[in-house]
Amino acid sequence: MHIEFRHLRTVQAIHEAGGLARAAEQLHITQSALSHQIKGLEDQAGVELFVRRSKPLRLSPAGMRLLKLARQVLPQLQALQEEFAGLRDGSAGRMHIAIECHACFEWLFPVLERFRKTWGEVDVDIRPGLAFDALPALLKEEVDLVISSDPEDLPGVTFVELFDYAPVFVAASTHPLARKPFVDAGDFRGETLITYPVERSRLDVFSQLLIPAKVEPVAIRQVELTAVILLLVASNRGVSVLPDWVVREVKYSSDYITRPLTANGITRRLYAAVREGDLDKRYMKDLLDLAGTEARKLQDA
């Protein structure tokens, strides 16, 4: 038996309309074509689907089984059609984000909060890109956007500039290094360095300062949360290096000091890596615009 979606729509329309004439009108076909369709379906099934002598027209027990199927299948089909329509016009889709910047969670959440209010049909998810190879995952379409400070020359991938930031030294205001106008790599030799639980090559303090200078802190303590890092720093349990926008509120606290790394400071740039084919999607453009707006707020703070 070959059942088509139009057959399910026909059975449902006749049941709801109570007659062939009104059902044909709803389905935008002639009553003759509708009768022919029912006859063909009944011939396939080998049973009557309607009780012909009843008014309004009633479904037979076999017809009721078909109606039950129609009520299960047709809403799912309608939902799928709407989803495909959303994909075509750019109002729906998927935005799975990998973050190679541990501190960026705090910056990204306000962006996504604004994004969801406009793009409720876009499935949003965040994956810590430090736990896997984020850029290869982007190429394999396992994620749709990667936040990174290390752009690469990858075919089919565009790195969109988000904002520049400065990694800064953070210590308790009573720390001996608080008297210095800036800190150098050598200043870390006798210090406990408090960092996020990330491999060294992904941390600015190592990649931009300590590894090139071949300097090793006396100890390294890994902490998940920025708030806990600052708590430990304020208690003189160690020092840290954090993006300047993360510690913008610390600048107004008497418990901490922030100092540039080296006399000239160090500047880093944050990027959004996106597949070139996704750049024209409306929701992708909007997310990148929101990211830029939020970044400007951070820099102006």
C-alpha atoms as a PDB file:
ATOM      1  CA  MET A   1       0.000   0.000   0.000  1.00  0.00           C
ATOM      2  CA  HIS A   2       1.432   3.340  -1.109  1.00  0.00           C
ATOM      3  CA  ILE A   3       0.303   6.167   1.184  1.00  0.00           C
ATOM      4  CA  GLU A   4       1.242   9.732   0.256  1.00  0.00           C
ATOM      5  CA  PHE A   5       1.080  12.855   2.384  1.00  0.00           C
ATOM      6  CA  ARG A   6      -1.831  14.083   0.251  1.00  0.00           C
ATOM      7  CA  HIS A   7      -3.794  11.005   1.253  1.00  0.00           C
ATOM      8  CA  LEU A   8      -3.325  11.828   4.926  1.00  0.00           C
ATOM      9  CA  ARG A   9      -4.367  15.443   4.303  1.00  0.00           C
ATOM     10  CA  THR A  10      -7.450  14.213   2.438  1.00  0.00           C
ATOM     11  CA  VAL A  11      -8.601  11.886   5.227  1.00  0.00           C
ATOM     12  CA  GLN A  12      -8.109  14.596   7.835  1.00  0.00           C
ATOM     13  CA  ALA A  13      -9.845  17.274   5.743  1.00  0.00           C
ATOM     14  CA  ILE A  14     -12.932  15.116   5.075  1.00  0.00           C
ATOM     15  CA  HIS A  15     -13.195  14.141   8.732  1.00  0.00           C
ATOM     16  CA  GLU A  16     -12.957  17.755   9.893  1.00  0.00           C
ATOM     17  CA  ALA A  17     -15.199  19.173   7.129  1.00  0.00           C
ATOM     18  CA  GLY A  18     -17.842  16.448   7.417  1.00  0.00           C
ATOM     19  CA  GLY A  19     -18.353  16.172   3.661  1.00  0.00           C
ATOM     20  CA  LEU A  20     -16.621  15.982   0.282  1.00  0.00           C
ATOM     21  CA  ALA A  21     -17.655  19.409  -1.004  1.00  0.00           C
ATOM     22  CA  ARG A  22     -16.213  21.410   1.899  1.00  0.00           C
ATOM     23  CA  ALA A  23     -13.118  19.214   2.087  1.00  0.00           C
ATOM     24  CA  ALA A  24     -12.459  19.678  -1.637  1.00  0.00           C
ATOM     25  CA  GLU A  25     -12.748  23.434  -1.156  1.00  0.00           C
ATOM     26  CA  GLN A  26     -10.237  23.364   1.714  1.00  0.00           C
ATOM     27  CA  LEU A  27      -7.810  21.253  -0.315  1.00  0.00           C
ATOM     28  CA  HIS A  28      -8.262  23.431  -3.432  1.00  0.00           C
ATOM     29  CA  ILE A  29      -9.231  20.519  -5.673  1.00  0.00           C
ATOM     30  CA  THR A  30     -12.484  19.526  -7.347  1.00  0.00           C
ATOM     31  CA  GLN A  31     -14.962  17.231  -5.621  1.00  0.00           C
ATOM     32  CA  SER A  32     -14.592  14.780  -8.491  1.00  0.00           C
ATOM     33  CA  ALA A  33     -10.796  14.642  -8.058  1.00  0.00           C
ATOM     34  CA  LEU A  34     -11.237  14.141  -4.321  1.00  0.00           C
ATOM     35  CA  SER A  35     -13.691  11.250  -4.844  1.00  0.00           C
ATOM     36  CA  HIS A  36     -11.272   9.654  -7.322  1.00  0.00           C
ATOM     37  CA  GLN A  37      -8.416   9.962  -4.795  1.00  0.00           C
ATOM     38  CA  ILE A  38     -10.469   8.283  -2.054  1.00  0.00           C
ATOM     39  CA  LYS A  39     -11.529   5.460  -4.406  1.00  0.00           C
ATOM     40  CA  GLY A  40      -7.872   4.846  -5.373  1.00  0.00           C
ATOM     41  CA  LEU A  41      -6.773   4.790  -1.741  1.00  0.00           C
ATOM     42  CA  GLU A  42      -9.561   2.369  -0.770  1.00  0.00           C
ATOM     43  CA  ASP A  43      -8.634   0.108  -3.693  1.00  0.00           C
ATOM     44  CA  GLN A  44      -5.042   0.017  -2.400  1.00  0.00           C
ATOM     45  CA  ALA A  45      -6.120  -0.668   1.180  1.00  0.00           C
ATOM     46  CA  GLY A  46      -8.745  -3.226   0.206  1.00  0.00           C
ATOM     47  CA  VAL A  47     -11.163  -1.767   2.769  1.00  0.00           C
ATOM     48  CA  GLU A  48     -13.642   1.123   2.915  1.00  0.00           C
ATOM     49  CA  LEU A  49     -12.304   4.196   4.683  1.00  0.00           C
ATOM     50  CA  PHE A  50     -15.660   6.013   4.940  1.00  0.00           C
ATOM     51  CA  VAL A  51     -19.216   5.049   5.863  1.00  0.00           C
ATOM     52  CA  ARG A  52     -20.888   6.295   2.686  1.00  0.00           C
ATOM     53  CA  ARG A  53     -24.518   6.519   3.884  1.00  0.00           C
ATOM     54  CA  SER A  54     -23.806   8.636   6.961  1.00  0.00           C
ATOM     55  CA  LYS A  55     -24.341  12.376   7.247  1.00  0.00           C
ATOM     56  CA  PRO A  56     -22.005  13.984   7.972  1.00  0.00           C
ATOM     57  CA  LEU A  57     -19.615  11.635   6.229  1.00  0.00           C
ATOM     58  CA  ARG A  58     -17.993   9.381   8.830  1.00  0.00           C
ATOM     59  CA  LEU A  59     -14.725   7.517   8.851  1.00  0.00           C
ATOM     60  CA  SER A  60     -14.850   3.749   9.103  1.00  0.00           C
ATOM     61  CA  PRO A  61     -12.716   1.996  11.738  1.00  0.00           C
ATOM     62  CA  ALA A  62     -10.003   1.594   9.070  1.00  0.00           C
ATOM     63  CA  GLY A  63     -10.339   5.293   8.218  1.00  0.00           C
ATOM     64  CA  MET A  64      -9.935   6.208  11.887  1.00  0.00           C
ATOM     65  CA  ARG A  65      -6.627   4.322  11.919  1.00  0.00           C
ATOM     66  CA  LEU A  66      -5.498   6.407   8.962  1.00  0.00           C
ATOM     67  CA  LEU A  67      -6.694   9.602  10.657  1.00  0.00           C
ATOM     68  CA  LYS A  68      -4.621   8.719  13.726  1.00  0.00           C
ATOM     69  CA  LEU A  69      -1.556   8.396  11.482  1.00  0.00           C
ATOM     70  CA  ALA A  70      -2.349  11.727   9.810  1.00  0.00           C
ATOM     71  CA  ARG A  71      -2.540  13.497  13.164  1.00  0.00           C
ATOM     72  CA  GLN A  72       0.858  12.098  14.102  1.00  0.00           C
ATOM     73  CA  VAL A  73       2.674  12.698  10.826  1.00  0.00           C
ATOM     74  CA  LEU A  74       1.263  15.933   9.393  1.00  0.00           C
ATOM     75  CA  PRO A  75       2.265  18.211  12.332  1.00  0.00           C
ATOM     76  CA  GLN A  76       5.798  16.831  12.134  1.00  0.00           C
ATOM     77  CA  LEU A  77       5.872  17.455   8.402  1.00  0.00           C
ATOM     78  CA  GLN A  78       4.589  21.011   8.921  1.00  0.00           C
ATOM     79  CA  ALA A  79       7.265  21.662  11.544  1.00  0.00           C
ATOM     80  CA  LEU A  80       9.941  20.339   9.194  1.00  0.00           C
ATOM     81  CA  GLN A  81       8.716  22.536   6.351  1.00  0.00           C
ATOM     82  CA  GLU A  82       8.783  25.587   8.624  1.00  0.00           C
ATOM     83  CA  GLU A  83      12.291  24.681   9.763  1.00  0.00           C
ATOM     84  CA  PHE A  84      13.485  24.385   6.162  1.00  0.00           C
ATOM     85  CA  ALA A  85      11.816  27.695   5.332  1.00  0.00           C
ATOM     86  CA  GLY A  86      13.649  29.286   8.249  1.00  0.00           C
ATOM     87  CA  LEU A  87      16.941  27.873   6.997  1.00  0.00           C
ATOM     88  CA  ARG A  88      16.273  29.259   3.523  1.00  0.00           C
ATOM     89  CA  ASP A  89      15.421  32.768   4.675  1.00  0.00           C
ATOM     90  CA  GLY A  90      18.068  32.842   7.412  1.00  0.00           C
ATOM     91  CA  SER A  91      15.692  33.122  10.374  1.00  0.00           C
ATOM     92  CA  ALA A  92      16.588  29.700  11.788  1.00  0.00           C
ATOM     93  CA  GLY A  93      19.697  27.603  12.043  1.00  0.00           C
ATOM     94  CA  ARG A  94      22.453  26.522  14.398  1.00  0.00           C
ATOM     95  CA  MET A  95      25.066  28.555  16.255  1.00  0.00           C
ATOM     96  CA  HIS A  96      27.422  26.228  18.087  1.00  0.00           C
ATOM     97  CA  ILE A  97      30.374  28.195  19.439  1.00  0.00           C
ATOM     98  CA  ALA A  98      33.775  26.973  20.584  1.00  0.00           C
ATOM     99  CA  ILE A  99      35.838  29.271  22.807  1.00  0.00           C
ATOM    100  CA  GLU A 100      39.635  29.143  22.875  1.00  0.00           C
ATOM    101  CA  CYS A 101      39.688  32.002  25.362  1.00  0.00           C
ATOM    102  CA  HIS A 102      38.754  30.842  28.864  1.00  0.00           C
ATOM    103  CA  ALA A 103      37.923  34.334  30.130  1.00  0.00           C
ATOM    104  CA  CYS A 104      35.669  34.959  27.136  1.00  0.00           C
ATOM    105  CA  PHE A 105      32.722  33.224  28.753  1.00  0.00           C
ATOM    106  CA  GLU A 106      32.115  36.361  30.802  1.00  0.00           C
ATOM    107  CA  TRP A 107      32.248  38.563  27.716  1.00  0.00           C
ATOM    108  CA  LEU A 108      30.185  36.296  25.459  1.00  0.00           C
ATOM    109  CA  PHE A 109      27.173  35.706  27.706  1.00  0.00           C
ATOM    110  CA  PRO A 110      25.805  39.285  27.383  1.00  0.00           C
ATOM    111  CA  VAL A 111      26.202  38.953  23.608  1.00  0.00           C
ATOM    112  CA  LEU A 112      24.219  35.702  23.508  1.00  0.00           C
ATOM    113  CA  GLU A 113      21.568  37.067  25.855  1.00  0.00           C
ATOM    114  CA  ARG A 114      20.812  39.845  23.372  1.00  0.00           C
ATOM    115  CA  PHE A 115      21.133  37.438  20.420  1.00  0.00           C
ATOM    116  CA  ARG A 116      18.514  34.957  21.690  1.00  0.00           C
ATOM    117  CA  LYS A 117      15.870  37.678  21.998  1.00  0.00           C
ATOM    118  CA  THR A 118      16.021  38.272  18.239  1.00  0.00           C
ATOM    119  CA  TRP A 119      16.922  34.800  17.007  1.00  0.00           C
ATOM    120  CA  GLY A 120      14.830  32.445  19.100  1.00  0.00           C
ATOM    121  CA  GLU A 121      14.772  29.845  16.292  1.00  0.00           C
ATOM    122  CA  VAL A 122      18.558  29.537  16.197  1.00  0.00           C
ATOM    123  CA  ASP A 123      19.922  26.670  18.286  1.00  0.00           C
ATOM    124  CA  VAL A 124      22.750  28.105  20.412  1.00  0.00           C
ATOM    125  CA  ASP A 125      25.348  26.066  22.252  1.00  0.00           C
ATOM    126  CA  ILE A 126      28.780  26.835  23.725  1.00  0.00           C
ATOM    127  CA  ARG A 127      31.607  24.351  23.871  1.00  0.00           C
ATOM    128  CA  PRO A 128      34.922  25.052  25.622  1.00  0.00           C
ATOM    129  CA  GLY A 129      37.252  24.933  22.626  1.00  0.00           C
ATOM    130  CA  LEU A 130      40.190  24.395  24.943  1.00  0.00           C
ATOM    131  CA  ALA A 131      38.979  20.827  25.500  1.00  0.00           C
ATOM    132  CA  PHE A 132      39.286  19.840  21.806  1.00  0.00           C
ATOM    133  CA  ASP A 133      40.705  21.085  18.505  1.00  0.00           C
ATOM    134  CA  ALA A 134      38.230  23.847  17.777  1.00  0.00           C
ATOM    135  CA  LEU A 135      39.395  24.948  14.322  1.00  0.00           C
ATOM    136  CA  PRO A 136      39.397  21.420  12.829  1.00  0.00           C
ATOM    137  CA  ALA A 137      35.910  21.044  14.343  1.00  0.00           C
ATOM    138  CA  LEU A 138      34.878  24.231  12.512  1.00  0.00           C
ATOM    139  CA  LEU A 139      36.107  22.814   9.209  1.00  0.00           C
ATOM    140  CA  LYS A 140      34.195  19.577   9.850  1.00  0.00           C
ATOM    141  CA  GLU A 141      31.030  21.637  10.648  1.00  0.00           C
ATOM    142  CA  GLU A 142      30.875  20.295  14.184  1.00  0.00           C
ATOM    143  CA  VAL A 143      30.831  23.911  15.413  1.00  0.00           C
ATOM    144  CA  ASP A 144      29.903  27.109  13.585  1.00  0.00           C
ATOM    145  CA  LEU A 145      32.080  29.782  15.184  1.00  0.00           C
ATOM    146  CA  VAL A 146      35.360  29.754  17.104  1.00  0.00           C
ATOM    147  CA  ILE A 147      36.514  32.552  19.419  1.00  0.00           C
ATOM    148  CA  SER A 148      40.317  32.636  19.237  1.00  0.00           C
ATOM    149  CA  SER A 149      43.297  34.962  19.571  1.00  0.00           C
ATOM    150  CA  ASP A 150      45.451  32.827  17.261  1.00  0.00           C
ATOM    151  CA  PRO A 151      44.353  33.202  13.607  1.00  0.00           C
ATOM    152  CA  GLU A 152      45.516  30.603  11.093  1.00  0.00           C
ATOM    153  CA  ASP A 153      45.559  30.480   7.312  1.00  0.00           C
ATOM    154  CA  LEU A 154      42.780  27.954   6.726  1.00  0.00           C
ATOM    155  CA  PRO A 155      41.015  27.475   3.374  1.00  0.00           C
ATOM    156  CA  GLY A 156      37.339  28.348   3.596  1.00  0.00           C
ATOM    157  CA  VAL A 157      37.646  30.056   6.994  1.00  0.00           C
ATOM    158  CA  THR A 158      37.558  33.808   7.680  1.00  0.00           C
ATOM    159  CA  PHE A 159      38.877  35.330  10.902  1.00  0.00           C
ATOM    160  CA  VAL A 160      36.727  38.345  11.748  1.00  0.00           C
ATOM    161  CA  GLU A 161      38.397  40.898  14.047  1.00  0.00           C
ATOM    162  CA  LEU A 162      36.466  41.462  17.272  1.00  0.00           C
ATOM    163  CA  PHE A 163      38.593  43.659  19.526  1.00  0.00           C
ATOM    164  CA  ASP A 164      42.089  44.235  20.899  1.00  0.00           C
ATOM    165  CA  TYR A 165      42.925  43.688  24.533  1.00  0.00           C
ATOM    166  CA  ALA A 166      45.968  43.906  26.794  1.00  0.00           C
ATOM    167  CA  PRO A 167      46.977  41.070  29.141  1.00  0.00           C
ATOM    168  CA  VAL A 168      47.837  42.791  32.433  1.00  0.00           C
ATOM    169  CA  PHE A 169      49.605  41.748  35.600  1.00  0.00           C
ATOM    170  CA  VAL A 170      47.315  41.554  38.651  1.00  0.00           C
ATOM    171  CA  ALA A 171      48.552  41.459  42.241  1.00  0.00           C
ATOM    172  CA  ALA A 172      47.485  42.481  45.714  1.00  0.00           C
ATOM    173  CA  SER A 173      48.047  46.162  46.422  1.00  0.00           C
ATOM    174  CA  THR A 174      50.444  45.154  49.215  1.00  0.00           C
ATOM    175  CA  HIS A 175      52.583  42.981  46.920  1.00  0.00           C
ATOM    176  CA  PRO A 176      56.215  44.142  46.444  1.00  0.00           C
ATOM    177  CA  LEU A 177      55.728  44.300  42.654  1.00  0.00           C
ATOM    178  CA  ALA A 178      52.950  46.852  43.175  1.00  0.00           C
ATOM    179  CA  ARG A 179      55.679  49.499  43.429  1.00  0.00           C
ATOM    180  CA  LYS A 180      56.824  48.875  39.856  1.00  0.00           C
ATOM    181  CA  PRO A 181      55.291  50.770  36.892  1.00  0.00           C
ATOM    182  CA  PHE A 182      55.384  47.542  34.823  1.00  0.00           C
ATOM    183  CA  VAL A 183      56.545  43.938  35.208  1.00  0.00           C
ATOM    184  CA  ASP A 184      58.957  41.914  33.091  1.00  0.00           C
ATOM    185  CA  ALA A 185      59.317  38.183  32.604  1.00  0.00           C
ATOM    186  CA  GLY A 186      62.013  37.998  35.275  1.00  0.00           C
ATOM    187  CA  ASP A 187      59.618  39.320  37.916  1.00  0.00           C
ATOM    188  CA  PHE A 188      57.693  36.020  37.776  1.00  0.00           C
ATOM    189  CA  ARG A 189      60.640  33.821  38.867  1.00  0.00           C
ATOM    190  CA  GLY A 190      59.825  33.937  42.556  1.00  0.00           C
ATOM    191  CA  GLU A 191      56.039  34.064  42.196  1.00  0.00           C
ATOM    192  CA  THR A 192      53.136  31.646  42.346  1.00  0.00           C
ATOM    193  CA  LEU A 193      51.263  32.249  39.097  1.00  0.00           C
ATOM    194  CA  ILE A 194      47.510  31.680  39.256  1.00  0.00           C
ATOM    195  CA  THR A 195      46.036  30.766  35.863  1.00  0.00           C
ATOM    196  CA  TYR A 196      43.006  29.209  34.278  1.00  0.00           C
ATOM    197  CA  PRO A 197      43.220  25.404  33.826  1.00  0.00           C
ATOM    198  CA  VAL A 198      44.558  25.722  30.289  1.00  0.00           C
ATOM    199  CA  GLU A 199      47.682  24.388  28.585  1.00  0.00           C
ATOM    200  CA  ARG A 200      50.520  26.917  28.611  1.00  0.00           C
ATOM    201  CA  SER A 201      50.543  27.604  24.887  1.00  0.00           C
ATOM    202  CA  ARG A 202      46.978  28.936  25.170  1.00  0.00           C
ATOM    203  CA  LEU A 203      47.799  31.426  27.951  1.00  0.00           C
ATOM    204  CA  ASP A 204      49.021  34.888  26.966  1.00  0.00           C
ATOM    205  CA  VAL A 205      51.418  35.167  29.900  1.00  0.00           C
ATOM    206  CA  PHE A 206      53.303  32.098  28.685  1.00  0.00           C
ATOM    207  CA  SER A 207      53.026  32.450  24.903  1.00  0.00           C
ATOM    208  CA  GLN A 208      53.787  36.176  24.831  1.00  0.00           C
ATOM    209  CA  LEU A 209      56.163  36.599  27.780  1.00  0.00           C
ATOM    210  CA  LEU A 210      57.491  33.683  29.807  1.00  0.00           C
ATOM    211  CA  ILE A 211      58.175  31.048  27.126  1.00  0.00           C
ATOM    212  CA  PRO A 212      60.161  33.444  24.879  1.00  0.00           C
ATOM    213  CA  ALA A 213      62.145  34.620  27.934  1.00  0.00           C
ATOM    214  CA  LYS A 214      62.599  31.024  29.197  1.00  0.00           C
ATOM    215  CA  VAL A 215      61.307  32.041  32.629  1.00  0.00           C
ATOM    216  CA  GLU A 216      59.524  29.654  34.981  1.00  0.00           C
ATOM    217  CA  PRO A 217      57.419  30.804  37.977  1.00  0.00           C
ATOM    218  CA  VAL A 218      58.201  29.153  41.275  1.00  0.00           C
ATOM    219  CA  ALA A 219      54.729  27.531  41.216  1.00  0.00           C
ATOM    220  CA  ILE A 220      51.572  27.456  39.121  1.00  0.00           C
ATOM    221  CA  ARG A 221      48.089  27.196  40.600  1.00  0.00           C
ATOM    222  CA  GLN A 222      45.154  26.525  38.259  1.00  0.00           C
ATOM    223  CA  VAL A 223      41.723  27.950  39.061  1.00  0.00           C
ATOM    224  CA  GLU A 224      38.519  27.710  37.016  1.00  0.00           C
ATOM    225  CA  LEU A 225      36.736  30.951  37.941  1.00  0.00           C
ATOM    226  CA  THR A 226      37.939  34.534  37.498  1.00  0.00           C
ATOM    227  CA  ALA A 227      36.312  35.567  40.776  1.00  0.00           C
ATOM    228  CA  VAL A 228      38.308  32.930  42.659  1.00  0.00           C
ATOM    229  CA  ILE A 229      41.535  33.977  40.944  1.00  0.00           C
ATOM    230  CA  LEU A 230      40.965  37.550  42.126  1.00  0.00           C
ATOM    231  CA  LEU A 231      40.091  36.346  45.619  1.00  0.00           C
ATOM    232  CA  LEU A 232      43.391  34.461  45.851  1.00  0.00           C
ATOM    233  CA  VAL A 233      45.338  37.388  44.422  1.00  0.00           C
ATOM    234  CA  ALA A 234      43.780  39.792  46.942  1.00  0.00           C
ATOM    235  CA  SER A 235      44.809  37.372  49.711  1.00  0.00           C
ATOM    236  CA  ASN A 236      48.413  37.468  48.451  1.00  0.00           C
ATOM    237  CA  ARG A 237      48.327  33.761  47.544  1.00  0.00           C
ATOM    238  CA  GLY A 238      49.853  34.518  44.174  1.00  0.00           C
ATOM    239  CA  VAL A 239      49.764  36.805  41.130  1.00  0.00           C
ATOM    240  CA  SER A 240      47.950  36.489  37.844  1.00  0.00           C
ATOM    241  CA  VAL A 241      47.744  37.812  34.288  1.00  0.00           C
ATOM    242  CA  LEU A 242      44.274  38.512  32.931  1.00  0.00           C
ATOM    243  CA  PRO A 243      42.792  40.421  29.982  1.00  0.00           C
ATOM    244  CA  ASP A 244      42.359  44.098  30.840  1.00  0.00           C
ATOM    245  CA  TRP A 245      38.608  43.958  30.160  1.00  0.00           C
ATOM    246  CA  VAL A 246      38.182  41.132  32.675  1.00  0.00           C
ATOM    247  CA  VAL A 247      39.712  43.201  35.470  1.00  0.00           C
ATOM    248  CA  ARG A 248      38.212  46.565  34.544  1.00  0.00           C
ATOM    249  CA  GLU A 249      36.387  46.700  37.903  1.00  0.00           C
ATOM    250  CA  VAL A 250      39.587  45.856  39.744  1.00  0.00           C
ATOM    251  CA  LYS A 251      41.018  49.202  38.657  1.00  0.00           C
ATOM    252  CA  TYR A 252      38.699  50.863  41.148  1.00  0.00           C
ATOM    253  CA  SER A 253      39.447  48.521  44.063  1.00  0.00           C
ATOM    254  CA  SER A 254      42.091  49.260  46.690  1.00  0.00           C
ATOM    255  CA  ASP A 255      42.733  45.518  47.118  1.00  0.00           C
ATOM    256  CA  TYR A 256      44.427  45.055  43.726  1.00  0.00           C
ATOM    257  CA  ILE A 257      46.850  46.674  41.353  1.00  0.00           C
ATOM    258  CA  THR A 258      47.179  46.093  37.615  1.00  0.00           C
ATOM    259  CA  ARG A 259      50.387  46.727  35.702  1.00  0.00           C
ATOM    260  CA  PRO A 260      51.393  46.409  32.041  1.00  0.00           C
ATOM    261  CA  LEU A 261      53.496  43.468  30.919  1.00  0.00           C
ATOM    262  CA  THR A 262      56.824  45.008  29.832  1.00  0.00           C
ATOM    263  CA  ALA A 263      57.484  48.729  29.423  1.00  0.00           C
ATOM    264  CA  ASN A 264      55.553  48.894  26.150  1.00  0.00           C
ATOM    265  CA  GLY A 265      52.728  46.594  27.171  1.00  0.00           C
ATOM    266  CA  ILE A 266      51.456  43.617  25.178  1.00  0.00           C
ATOM    267  CA  THR A 267      48.437  43.823  22.894  1.00  0.00           C
ATOM    268  CA  ARG A 268      46.437  40.848  21.654  1.00  0.00           C
ATOM    269  CA  ARG A 269      43.516  40.630  19.239  1.00  0.00           C
ATOM    270  CA  LEU A 270      40.438  38.453  19.558  1.00  0.00           C
ATOM    271  CA  TYR A 271      38.858  36.938  16.433  1.00  0.00           C
ATOM    272  CA  ALA A 272      35.749  35.057  15.432  1.00  0.00           C
ATOM    273  CA  ALA A 273      36.607  32.238  13.030  1.00  0.00           C
ATOM    274  CA  VAL A 274      33.697  31.522  10.682  1.00  0.00           C
ATOM    275  CA  ARG A 275      33.262  29.347   7.597  1.00  0.00           C
ATOM    276  CA  GLU A 276      33.120  31.635   4.563  1.00  0.00           C
ATOM    277  CA  GLY A 277      29.818  30.124   3.443  1.00  0.00           C
ATOM    278  CA  ASP A 278      28.174  31.174   6.722  1.00  0.00           C
ATOM    279  CA  LEU A 279      29.205  34.826   6.666  1.00  0.00           C
ATOM    280  CA  ASP A 280      26.109  35.874   4.680  1.00  0.00           C
ATOM    281  CA  LYS A 281      23.645  34.252   7.079  1.00  0.00           C
ATOM    282  CA  ARG A 282      21.602  36.980   8.727  1.00  0.00           C
ATOM    283  CA  TYR A 283      21.900  35.588  12.228  1.00  0.00           C
ATOM    284  CA  MET A 284      25.675  35.198  11.858  1.00  0.00           C
ATOM    285  CA  LYS A 285      26.007  38.832  10.764  1.00  0.00           C
ATOM    286  CA  ASP A 286      23.880  39.945  13.699  1.00  0.00           C
ATOM    287  CA  LEU A 287      25.906  37.938  16.212  1.00  0.00           C
ATOM    288  CA  LEU A 288      29.162  39.446  14.923  1.00  0.00           C
ATOM    289  CA  ASP A 289      27.633  42.940  15.101  1.00  0.00           C
ATOM    290  CA  LEU A 290      26.497  42.325  18.683  1.00  0.00           C
ATOM    291  CA  ALA A 291      29.946  41.007  19.551  1.00  0.00           C
ATOM    292  CA  GLY A 292      31.493  44.203  18.219  1.00  0.00           C
ATOM    293  CA  THR A 293      29.049  46.362  20.177  1.00  0.00           C
ATOM    294  CA  GLU A 294      29.749  44.517  23.418  1.00  0.00           C
ATOM    295  CA  ALA A 295      33.485  44.746  22.747  1.00  0.00           C
ATOM    296  CA  ARG A 296      33.273  48.522  22.449  1.00  0.00           C
ATOM    297  CA  LYS A 297      31.500  48.635  25.810  1.00  0.00           C
ATOM    298  CA  LEU A 298      34.366  46.696  27.359  1.00  0.00           C
ATOM    299  CA  GLN A 299      36.959  49.046  25.904  1.00  0.00           C
ATOM    300  CA  ASP A 300      35.046  52.133  27.039  1.00  0.00           C
ATOM    301  CA  ALA A 301      34.569  50.845  30.590  1.00  0.00           C
END
